Amino acid sequence: MTQCCINPSILSADFVNLEAELQKISNADSVHVDVMDNHFVPNLTLGLPVVQRIQAVSPVPLDAHLMISDADRWAPGYADAGLASVTFHAEASIAPVKLARELRARGSKAGMALRPATALEPYLDMLSELDMLLIMTVEPGFGGQAFLDLTLPKIRRARAAIEGSGVNVAIQVDGGITEETIVRAAEAGANVFVAGSAVYGAADPSGAIDRLRKAGSL
């Protein structure tokens, strides 16, 4: 059985009661924190000071997804804050290998994200520099979108490349993950799943995590 990690996105949580919302997902593997700057994506969420406070009260490790411009400049600060994992967008980095190494050097796992239309192949040679590859299954920027099946071939190619090279890189998917779509994504080769609405839209977020984990474990 493939190890399946569920990282709920607090983008769908109640921002007025974040500490209580975090306690609802204490059985998650990580909490996915979407950082958006209204430049790289047309939405504005939260920045480093708020993430630092979330880090201080979260019952599970933080997995930051930086949907921000000039990732080379800003991403290292999130690693310095002690986050378990920091993911930057390939499209927002001038020197992704250098940035990935810098994140690791500062104690964080290094993740790199690709928009749905961004080709995987130019980045295959740097898989060994990464701990996680995030393949967006919606256009980044807003929660509640429908899963894009057109990303499934990219997930399959990524899984084949990882297994072929022998590196230990997780494949995360983010966007439109439900108990139904998680099965397709897992079959394609993903093993870390970001879910926002499917968790925080449920009456029992903890139970929703358990159901997603079961559905995504093949």
Protein backbone atom coordinates (compact mmCIF):
# COMPACT_ATOMS: atom_id res chain seq x y z
CA MET A 1 0.00 0.00 0.00
CA THR A 2 1.31 3.45 -0.96
CA GLN A 3 1.83 5.89 1.92
CA CYS A 4 -0.76 8.62 1.58
CA CYS A 5 -0.37 12.01 3.26
CA ILE A 6 -3.26 14.43 3.74
CA ASN A 7 -2.37 18.12 4.08
CA PRO A 8 -5.54 20.19 4.65
CA SER A 9 -5.44 23.72 3.27
CA ILE A 10 -6.38 26.43 5.73
CA LEU A 11 -7.44 28.55 2.75
CA SER A 12 -10.87 27.02 3.41
CA ALA A 13 -10.71 27.52 7.19
CA ASP A 14 -12.27 30.27 9.30
CA PHE A 15 -9.48 32.86 9.46
CA VAL A 16 -11.03 34.51 12.52
CA ASN A 17 -10.57 31.28 14.53
CA LEU A 18 -7.43 29.79 13.03
CA GLU A 19 -6.09 28.20 16.20
CA ALA A 20 -9.37 26.35 16.76
CA GLU A 21 -9.49 25.42 13.07
CA LEU A 22 -6.00 23.92 13.33
CA GLN A 23 -7.06 21.75 16.27
CA LYS A 24 -9.80 20.25 14.07
CA ILE A 25 -7.14 18.76 11.77
CA SER A 26 -4.71 17.42 14.38
CA ASN A 27 -4.80 14.00 12.66
CA ALA A 28 -3.45 15.50 9.41
CA ASP A 29 0.10 14.89 8.20
CA SER A 30 0.75 18.62 7.71
CA VAL A 31 -1.22 21.82 7.42
CA HIS A 32 -0.99 23.42 3.99
CA VAL A 33 -0.55 27.19 4.20
CA ASP A 34 -1.29 29.11 1.01
CA VAL A 35 0.72 32.33 0.81
CA MET A 36 -0.50 34.59 -2.02
CA ASP A 37 0.75 38.08 -2.84
CA ASN A 38 -1.83 39.36 -5.35
CA HIS A 39 0.94 39.54 -7.98
CA PHE A 40 1.82 35.96 -8.92
CA VAL A 41 -1.83 35.01 -8.43
CA PRO A 42 -4.89 37.33 -8.29
CA ASN A 43 -5.55 36.79 -4.60
CA LEU A 44 -4.09 38.01 -1.31
CA THR A 45 -3.95 35.78 1.76
CA LEU A 46 -1.31 36.07 4.47
CA GLY A 47 2.41 36.61 4.90
CA LEU A 48 5.32 35.58 7.05
CA PRO A 49 4.25 37.18 10.38
CA VAL A 50 0.93 35.32 10.34
CA VAL A 51 2.61 32.09 9.23
CA GLN A 52 5.00 32.39 12.16
CA ARG A 53 2.04 32.59 14.56
CA ILE A 54 0.39 29.60 12.88
CA GLN A 55 3.67 27.73 13.28
CA ALA A 56 3.63 28.50 17.00
CA VAL A 57 0.18 27.01 17.65
CA SER A 58 -0.22 24.28 14.99
CA PRO A 59 -0.52 20.69 16.26
CA VAL A 60 1.04 19.41 13.01
CA PRO A 61 3.97 20.58 10.84
CA LEU A 62 3.53 23.40 8.34
CA ASP A 63 3.72 22.91 4.58
CA ALA A 64 3.90 26.37 2.95
CA HIS A 65 2.87 26.88 -0.66
CA LEU A 66 4.29 30.19 -1.82
CA MET A 67 2.25 31.61 -4.68
CA ILE A 68 4.37 34.75 -4.73
CA SER A 69 6.60 36.64 -7.13
CA ASP A 70 10.36 36.80 -6.54
CA ALA A 71 10.45 33.50 -4.70
CA ASP A 72 14.26 33.56 -4.66
CA ARG A 73 14.12 36.57 -2.35
CA TRP A 74 11.24 35.65 -0.06
CA ALA A 75 11.12 31.85 0.26
CA PRO A 76 14.20 31.43 2.49
CA GLY A 77 12.51 33.46 5.24
CA TYR A 78 9.85 30.77 5.57
CA ALA A 79 12.53 28.12 6.04
CA ASP A 80 14.15 30.33 8.67
CA ALA A 81 10.79 30.42 10.48
CA GLY A 82 11.12 26.68 11.07
CA LEU A 83 8.57 25.38 8.61
CA ALA A 84 8.83 21.70 7.81
CA SER A 85 8.37 22.22 4.08
CA VAL A 86 8.50 25.25 1.79
CA THR A 87 7.28 25.05 -1.80
CA PHE A 88 8.01 27.75 -4.37
CA HIS A 89 6.70 28.01 -7.93
CA ALA A 90 9.10 27.20 -10.75
CA GLU A 91 7.55 30.05 -12.71
CA ALA A 92 8.48 32.54 -9.95
CA SER A 93 12.11 31.51 -9.48
CA ILE A 94 15.07 32.64 -11.57
CA ALA A 95 17.44 30.11 -9.96
CA PRO A 96 15.33 27.15 -8.74
CA VAL A 97 18.28 24.83 -8.02
CA LYS A 98 19.99 27.48 -5.91
CA LEU A 99 16.76 28.22 -4.08
CA ALA A 100 16.00 24.56 -3.37
CA ARG A 101 19.49 24.11 -1.93
CA GLU A 102 19.08 27.22 0.18
CA LEU A 103 15.80 25.98 1.65
CA ARG A 104 17.38 22.66 2.55
CA ALA A 105 20.44 24.37 4.04
CA ARG A 106 18.11 26.35 6.32
CA GLY A 107 16.46 23.18 7.61
CA SER A 108 13.31 22.94 5.51
CA LYS A 109 12.27 20.40 2.94
CA ALA A 110 12.32 21.92 -0.54
CA GLY A 111 9.28 21.71 -2.77
CA MET A 112 8.72 23.08 -6.25
CA ALA A 113 5.30 23.70 -7.79
CA LEU A 114 4.17 23.70 -11.42
CA ARG A 115 1.02 25.34 -12.76
CA PRO A 116 -1.23 23.05 -14.83
CA ALA A 117 0.15 24.34 -18.15
CA THR A 118 3.83 24.38 -17.07
CA ALA A 119 5.82 21.56 -18.65
CA LEU A 120 7.43 19.03 -16.34
CA GLU A 121 10.30 17.99 -18.59
CA PRO A 122 12.58 21.07 -18.23
CA TYR A 123 12.81 20.38 -14.49
CA LEU A 124 13.43 16.63 -14.45
CA ASP A 125 17.19 17.02 -14.09
CA MET A 126 16.73 18.82 -10.76
CA LEU A 127 14.59 16.18 -9.07
CA SER A 128 17.48 15.25 -6.79
CA GLU A 129 17.45 18.82 -5.44
CA LEU A 130 13.83 18.47 -4.29
CA ASP A 131 11.96 16.70 -1.53
CA MET A 132 8.58 17.29 -3.13
CA LEU A 133 7.13 18.17 -6.52
CA LEU A 134 3.76 19.92 -6.40
CA ILE A 135 1.67 19.47 -9.52
CA MET A 136 -1.20 21.94 -9.42
CA THR A 137 -4.49 20.29 -10.38
CA VAL A 138 -6.25 23.67 -10.66
CA GLU A 139 -5.01 27.12 -11.57
CA PRO A 140 -3.47 28.53 -8.38
CA GLY A 141 -5.14 31.40 -6.61
CA PHE A 142 -8.51 30.30 -5.26
CA GLY A 143 -9.97 27.39 -3.34
CA GLY A 144 -13.07 25.44 -4.32
CA GLN A 145 -12.13 24.82 -7.95
CA ALA A 146 -12.83 21.61 -9.88
CA PHE A 147 -10.04 19.06 -10.39
CA LEU A 148 -8.40 19.25 -13.84
CA ASP A 149 -8.07 15.73 -15.25
CA LEU A 150 -5.69 17.06 -17.90
CA THR A 151 -3.00 17.09 -15.19
CA LEU A 152 -3.12 13.31 -14.71
CA PRO A 153 -0.65 12.52 -17.55
CA LYS A 154 1.83 14.97 -16.00
CA ILE A 155 1.50 13.19 -12.65
CA ARG A 156 2.15 9.86 -14.36
CA ARG A 157 5.24 11.19 -16.13
CA ALA A 158 6.53 12.63 -12.88
CA ARG A 159 6.06 9.32 -11.07
CA ALA A 160 7.83 7.44 -13.86
CA ALA A 161 10.74 9.91 -13.82
CA ILE A 162 11.10 9.70 -10.05
CA GLU A 163 11.05 5.93 -10.02
CA GLY A 164 13.42 5.81 -12.97
CA SER A 165 15.96 8.08 -11.32
CA GLY A 166 15.73 6.42 -7.90
CA VAL A 167 15.31 9.71 -6.01
CA ASN A 168 13.03 10.03 -3.00
CA VAL A 169 10.68 12.82 -4.06
CA ALA A 170 7.05 13.06 -3.01
CA ILE A 171 4.42 14.10 -5.54
CA GLN A 172 1.88 16.49 -4.10
CA VAL A 173 -1.33 17.53 -5.84
CA ASP A 174 -3.35 20.59 -4.92
CA GLY A 175 -6.80 21.59 -6.17
CA GLY A 176 -10.19 19.93 -6.37
CA ILE A 177 -9.22 16.97 -4.18
CA THR A 178 -12.25 14.99 -2.98
CA GLU A 179 -12.84 11.37 -1.99
CA GLU A 180 -13.48 10.72 -5.68
CA THR A 181 -10.68 12.67 -7.36
CA ILE A 182 -8.05 11.55 -4.84
CA VAL A 183 -8.36 8.03 -6.23
CA ARG A 184 -7.52 9.16 -9.77
CA ALA A 185 -4.61 11.27 -8.57
CA ALA A 186 -3.25 8.43 -6.44
CA GLU A 187 -3.55 5.95 -9.30
CA ALA A 188 -1.53 8.38 -11.44
CA GLY A 189 1.25 8.43 -8.83
CA ALA A 190 0.58 11.24 -6.36
CA ASN A 191 1.09 10.48 -2.68
CA VAL A 192 0.60 13.84 -0.89
CA PHE A 193 -2.80 15.48 -1.19
CA VAL A 194 -3.89 19.02 -0.39
CA ALA A 195 -7.59 19.28 0.44
CA GLY A 196 -9.37 22.43 1.50
CA SER A 197 -13.12 22.37 0.88
CA ALA A 198 -13.28 18.59 1.27
CA VAL A 199 -11.94 18.91 4.82
CA TYR A 200 -13.18 22.23 6.14
CA GLY A 201 -16.48 21.96 4.29
CA ALA A 202 -17.25 18.74 6.15
CA ALA A 203 -19.18 18.61 9.42
CA ASP A 204 -16.31 16.59 10.89
CA PRO A 205 -12.96 17.72 9.41
CA SER A 206 -11.03 15.03 11.28
CA GLY A 207 -13.28 12.31 9.89
CA ALA A 208 -12.96 13.79 6.40
CA ILE A 209 -9.16 13.48 6.68
CA ASP A 210 -9.48 9.82 7.65
CA ARG A 211 -11.79 9.13 4.70
CA LEU A 212 -9.47 10.91 2.26
CA ARG A 213 -6.46 9.01 3.59
CA LYS A 214 -8.28 5.70 3.13
CA ALA A 215 -9.41 6.62 -0.39
CA GLY A 216 -5.91 7.72 -1.42
CA SER A 217 -4.09 4.66 -0.05
CA LEU A 218 -3.72 2.19 -2.89
